[in-house]
Amino acid sequence: MSLSILPAVPTQDLTITDDGHQFFLTLVIAASSAPCPHCAQISARLHMTCSRQVDDLPWSDAAVSVEWVVPKFSVITPTARKAFSVRG
């Protein structure tokens, strides 16, 4: 699934809920590997997942809360050991 307002990053799940006053969007990024932004080495070694959230986005008469869950990968090179997130 891909949304035109987001970068070209594959998603695993998109959940939209509404409590009558606020919309909640949860987006789970699907990636089994990613290139390191520092050395360009492809890594499939999952370090952890992290959650990022933006609240109180005004939309019509309702507030919008967006949360996205992003995998973080790690790469080990002779000179460095780094963890990095998937980028669009």
Foldseek 3Di string as FASTA:
>chain_A
DDDPVDPPFAWDDWDWDDPPAEIEIETETDDQWAADPPPRDIFNAFPAKDKDKDWQDDDPRHTYIYMYIWTWHWDDDPVDIDIGTHDD
